[in-house]
Amino acid sequence: MAEKKSSRGATLAGLSLVGAGLAHFVAPQVFEPITKPAFPRDTARHIKTNGTIETALGAGLLFPQTRKLAVLGALGYGAYLGVNAARNR
């Protein structure tokens, strides 16, 4: 039973991350105030890059075969964002 619940949570997280990633392309202006502090130069390119990464990580969470790798990728991505935000304060 725990497997089902975990899979359901991972699926929901994956779909949410895919949706957020694709939203970077549909409405990039929404992400500019969030992205600009961490990536003040060429913010538009970073919005697209972040959208691509989030879409890929979300897709990875959807499939049990790639879920562990996607979680590792998400941890690395979080560190990447955190380091850039701290560096550009």
N, C-alpha and C. Protein backbone atom coordinates (compact mmCIF):
# COMPACT_ATOMS: atom_id res chain seq x y z
N MET A 1 0.82 -1.20 0.00
CA MET A 1 0.00 0.00 0.00
C MET A 1 0.86 1.27 0.00
N ALA A 2 1.95 1.25 0.74
CA ALA A 2 2.83 2.43 0.77
C ALA A 2 3.39 2.73 -0.61
N GLU A 3 3.63 1.69 -1.39
CA GLU A 3 4.13 1.86 -2.76
C GLU A 3 3.15 2.69 -3.59
N LYS A 4 1.86 2.38 -3.49
CA LYS A 4 0.83 3.12 -4.25
C LYS A 4 0.81 4.58 -3.82
N LYS A 5 0.82 4.81 -2.51
CA LYS A 5 0.77 6.18 -2.01
C LYS A 5 2.00 6.96 -2.47
N SER A 6 3.16 6.33 -2.40
CA SER A 6 4.39 6.96 -2.85
C SER A 6 4.33 7.27 -4.34
N SER A 7 3.83 6.31 -5.12
CA SER A 7 3.71 6.52 -6.56
C SER A 7 2.75 7.65 -6.87
N ARG A 8 1.66 7.71 -6.15
CA ARG A 8 0.68 8.77 -6.36
C ARG A 8 1.29 10.13 -6.05
N GLY A 9 2.04 10.20 -4.95
CA GLY A 9 2.70 11.45 -4.59
C GLY A 9 3.75 11.85 -5.61
N ALA A 10 4.51 10.88 -6.07
CA ALA A 10 5.54 11.17 -7.08
C ALA A 10 4.90 11.61 -8.38
N THR A 11 3.79 10.99 -8.74
CA THR A 11 3.09 11.38 -9.96
C THR A 11 2.57 12.80 -9.85
N LEU A 12 1.97 13.12 -8.72
CA LEU A 12 1.46 14.48 -8.51
C LEU A 12 2.61 15.50 -8.54
N ALA A 13 3.71 15.17 -7.88
CA ALA A 13 4.87 16.07 -7.89
C ALA A 13 5.41 16.22 -9.31
N GLY A 14 5.49 15.12 -10.03
CA GLY A 14 5.99 15.17 -11.40
C GLY A 14 5.12 16.02 -12.30
N LEU A 15 3.81 15.81 -12.22
CA LEU A 15 2.89 16.60 -13.05
C LEU A 15 2.95 18.08 -12.68
N SER A 16 3.07 18.36 -11.39
CA SER A 16 3.17 19.76 -10.94
C SER A 16 4.44 20.41 -11.47
N LEU A 17 5.54 19.66 -11.41
CA LEU A 17 6.81 20.21 -11.89
C LEU A 17 6.81 20.39 -13.40
N VAL A 18 6.21 19.43 -14.12
CA VAL A 18 6.09 19.60 -15.58
C VAL A 18 5.26 20.83 -15.89
N GLY A 19 4.15 21.00 -15.18
CA GLY A 19 3.29 22.18 -15.39
C GLY A 19 4.02 23.48 -15.11
N ALA A 20 4.76 23.51 -14.01
CA ALA A 20 5.52 24.72 -13.67
C ALA A 20 6.60 24.97 -14.71
N GLY A 21 7.26 23.92 -15.16
CA GLY A 21 8.30 24.08 -16.17
C GLY A 21 7.75 24.63 -17.47
N LEU A 22 6.64 24.07 -17.93
CA LEU A 22 6.04 24.55 -19.18
C LEU A 22 5.50 25.98 -19.04
N ALA A 23 5.07 26.33 -17.84
CA ALA A 23 4.57 27.68 -17.60
C ALA A 23 5.65 28.73 -17.84
N HIS A 24 6.92 28.35 -17.67
CA HIS A 24 8.02 29.29 -17.94
C HIS A 24 8.01 29.75 -19.40
N PHE A 25 7.51 28.90 -20.29
CA PHE A 25 7.47 29.24 -21.72
C PHE A 25 6.17 29.94 -22.09
N VAL A 26 5.09 29.60 -21.41
CA VAL A 26 3.77 30.17 -21.72
C VAL A 26 3.65 31.59 -21.15
N ALA A 27 4.16 31.79 -19.94
CA ALA A 27 4.04 33.09 -19.27
C ALA A 27 5.36 33.45 -18.60
N PRO A 28 6.41 33.70 -19.37
CA PRO A 28 7.72 33.97 -18.76
C PRO A 28 7.74 35.21 -17.86
N GLN A 29 6.85 36.14 -18.13
CA GLN A 29 6.80 37.37 -17.32
C GLN A 29 6.48 37.08 -15.85
N VAL A 30 5.77 35.99 -15.60
CA VAL A 30 5.43 35.61 -14.23
C VAL A 30 6.70 35.23 -13.45
N PHE A 31 7.67 34.66 -14.15
CA PHE A 31 8.87 34.15 -13.50
C PHE A 31 10.00 35.17 -13.43
N GLU A 32 9.86 36.27 -14.14
CA GLU A 32 10.94 37.26 -14.16
C GLU A 32 11.26 37.81 -12.77
N PRO A 33 10.27 38.23 -11.96
CA PRO A 33 10.64 38.77 -10.63
C PRO A 33 11.28 37.73 -9.72
N ILE A 34 11.00 36.46 -9.95
CA ILE A 34 11.59 35.39 -9.13
C ILE A 34 13.00 35.07 -9.63
N THR A 35 13.20 35.11 -10.93
CA THR A 35 14.45 34.68 -11.55
C THR A 35 15.50 35.77 -11.56
N LYS A 36 15.09 37.01 -11.75
CA LYS A 36 16.05 38.12 -11.91
C LYS A 36 17.03 38.27 -10.73
N PRO A 37 16.60 38.13 -9.48
CA PRO A 37 17.58 38.27 -8.38
C PRO A 37 18.70 37.22 -8.43
N ALA A 38 18.38 36.00 -8.83
CA ALA A 38 19.38 34.94 -8.89
C ALA A 38 20.18 34.97 -10.18
N PHE A 39 19.54 35.48 -11.25
CA PHE A 39 20.17 35.51 -12.58
C PHE A 39 19.95 36.89 -13.20
N PRO A 40 20.67 37.91 -12.70
CA PRO A 40 20.42 39.27 -13.17
C PRO A 40 20.84 39.51 -14.62
N ARG A 41 21.77 38.73 -15.14
CA ARG A 41 22.20 38.90 -16.53
C ARG A 41 21.51 37.84 -17.39
N ASP A 42 20.96 38.28 -18.50
CA ASP A 42 20.28 37.39 -19.45
C ASP A 42 19.18 36.58 -18.77
N THR A 43 18.35 37.29 -18.02
CA THR A 43 17.28 36.66 -17.26
C THR A 43 16.35 35.85 -18.14
N ALA A 44 16.03 36.35 -19.32
CA ALA A 44 15.10 35.63 -20.21
C ALA A 44 15.64 34.25 -20.58
N ARG A 45 16.94 34.16 -20.82
CA ARG A 45 17.54 32.86 -21.15
C ARG A 45 17.46 31.92 -19.95
N HIS A 46 17.68 32.46 -18.76
CA HIS A 46 17.62 31.62 -17.56
C HIS A 46 16.19 31.16 -17.26
N ILE A 47 15.22 31.97 -17.58
CA ILE A 47 13.83 31.54 -17.40
C ILE A 47 13.55 30.32 -18.27
N LYS A 48 14.02 30.37 -19.51
CA LYS A 48 13.84 29.22 -20.41
C LYS A 48 14.64 28.01 -19.94
N THR A 49 15.85 28.25 -19.49
CA THR A 49 16.68 27.14 -18.99
C THR A 49 16.02 26.49 -17.78
N ASN A 50 15.56 27.31 -16.84
CA ASN A 50 14.90 26.77 -15.65
C ASN A 50 13.63 26.02 -16.02
N GLY A 51 12.87 26.53 -16.97
CA GLY A 51 11.67 25.85 -17.43
C GLY A 51 11.98 24.50 -18.04
N THR A 52 13.06 24.44 -18.80
CA THR A 52 13.48 23.18 -19.42
C THR A 52 13.89 22.17 -18.35
N ILE A 53 14.68 22.62 -17.39
CA ILE A 53 15.14 21.74 -16.32
C ILE A 53 13.95 21.23 -15.50
N GLU A 54 13.04 22.11 -15.13
CA GLU A 54 11.89 21.70 -14.33
C GLU A 54 10.99 20.73 -15.09
N THR A 55 10.81 20.96 -16.37
CA THR A 55 10.00 20.05 -17.18
C THR A 55 10.65 18.67 -17.22
N ALA A 56 11.95 18.63 -17.44
CA ALA A 56 12.67 17.35 -17.51
C ALA A 56 12.65 16.62 -16.16
N LEU A 57 12.87 17.35 -15.08
CA LEU A 57 12.84 16.71 -13.76
C LEU A 57 11.44 16.18 -13.44
N GLY A 58 10.43 16.95 -13.78
CA GLY A 58 9.05 16.51 -13.55
C GLY A 58 8.74 15.26 -14.34
N ALA A 59 9.17 15.24 -15.59
CA ALA A 59 8.95 14.04 -16.42
C ALA A 59 9.68 12.84 -15.81
N GLY A 60 10.86 13.06 -15.28
CA GLY A 60 11.61 11.99 -14.64
C GLY A 60 10.91 11.43 -13.42
N LEU A 61 10.20 12.27 -12.69
CA LEU A 61 9.46 11.80 -11.51
C LEU A 61 8.25 10.94 -11.87
N LEU A 62 7.76 11.09 -13.08
CA LEU A 62 6.56 10.36 -13.49
C LEU A 62 6.78 8.87 -13.68
N PHE A 63 8.01 8.47 -13.93
CA PHE A 63 8.30 7.07 -14.26
C PHE A 63 9.18 6.44 -13.19
N PRO A 64 8.75 5.32 -12.64
CA PRO A 64 9.54 4.67 -11.58
C PRO A 64 10.99 4.40 -11.97
N GLN A 65 11.24 4.11 -13.24
CA GLN A 65 12.59 3.81 -13.69
C GLN A 65 13.54 5.00 -13.60
N THR A 66 13.00 6.22 -13.66
CA THR A 66 13.84 7.42 -13.66
C THR A 66 13.64 8.28 -12.41
N ARG A 67 12.81 7.81 -11.50
CA ARG A 67 12.44 8.62 -10.34
C ARG A 67 13.63 8.96 -9.45
N LYS A 68 14.47 7.97 -9.14
CA LYS A 68 15.61 8.24 -8.25
C LYS A 68 16.58 9.24 -8.89
N LEU A 69 16.83 9.08 -10.16
CA LEU A 69 17.71 10.02 -10.86
C LEU A 69 17.10 11.42 -10.87
N ALA A 70 15.78 11.51 -11.05
CA ALA A 70 15.10 12.81 -11.05
C ALA A 70 15.19 13.47 -9.67
N VAL A 71 15.08 12.67 -8.62
CA VAL A 71 15.21 13.23 -7.26
C VAL A 71 16.63 13.77 -7.05
N LEU A 72 17.63 13.02 -7.48
CA LEU A 72 19.01 13.50 -7.39
C LEU A 72 19.19 14.78 -8.21
N GLY A 73 18.61 14.79 -9.40
CA GLY A 73 18.68 15.98 -10.24
C GLY A 73 18.01 17.17 -9.59
N ALA A 74 16.88 16.93 -8.94
CA ALA A 74 16.16 18.02 -8.26
C ALA A 74 16.99 18.58 -7.10
N LEU A 75 17.69 17.72 -6.39
CA LEU A 75 18.57 18.20 -5.31
C LEU A 75 19.69 19.06 -5.87
N GLY A 76 20.29 18.60 -6.96
CA GLY A 76 21.34 19.39 -7.61
C GLY A 76 20.81 20.71 -8.14
N TYR A 77 19.63 20.67 -8.72
CA TYR A 77 19.01 21.88 -9.27
C TYR A 77 18.72 22.87 -8.14
N GLY A 78 18.22 22.37 -7.02
CA GLY A 78 17.97 23.24 -5.87
C GLY A 78 19.25 23.90 -5.38
N ALA A 79 20.34 23.14 -5.35
CA ALA A 79 21.63 23.70 -4.94
C ALA A 79 22.11 24.75 -5.93
N TYR A 80 21.95 24.46 -7.22
CA TYR A 80 22.32 25.40 -8.28
C TYR A 80 21.56 26.72 -8.12
N LEU A 81 20.26 26.65 -7.88
CA LEU A 81 19.47 27.86 -7.68
C LEU A 81 19.90 28.61 -6.42
N GLY A 82 20.11 27.86 -5.34
CA GLY A 82 20.51 28.48 -4.08
C GLY A 82 21.85 29.18 -4.17
N VAL A 83 22.81 28.55 -4.81
CA VAL A 83 24.14 29.15 -4.96
C VAL A 83 24.05 30.44 -5.79
N ASN A 84 23.29 30.40 -6.87
CA ASN A 84 23.15 31.60 -7.70
C ASN A 84 22.43 32.71 -6.97
N ALA A 85 21.41 32.38 -6.20
CA ALA A 85 20.70 33.39 -5.43
C ALA A 85 21.62 34.03 -4.40
N ALA A 86 22.42 33.20 -3.70
CA ALA A 86 23.33 33.73 -2.69
C ALA A 86 24.45 34.56 -3.32
N ARG A 87 24.95 34.11 -4.45
CA ARG A 87 26.05 34.82 -5.11
C ARG A 87 25.61 36.20 -5.62
N ASN A 88 24.37 36.34 -6.00
CA ASN A 88 23.91 37.60 -6.61
C ASN A 88 23.12 38.47 -5.64
N ARG A 89 23.25 38.23 -4.38
CA ARG A 89 22.55 39.07 -3.37
C ARG A 89 23.14 40.43 -3.30
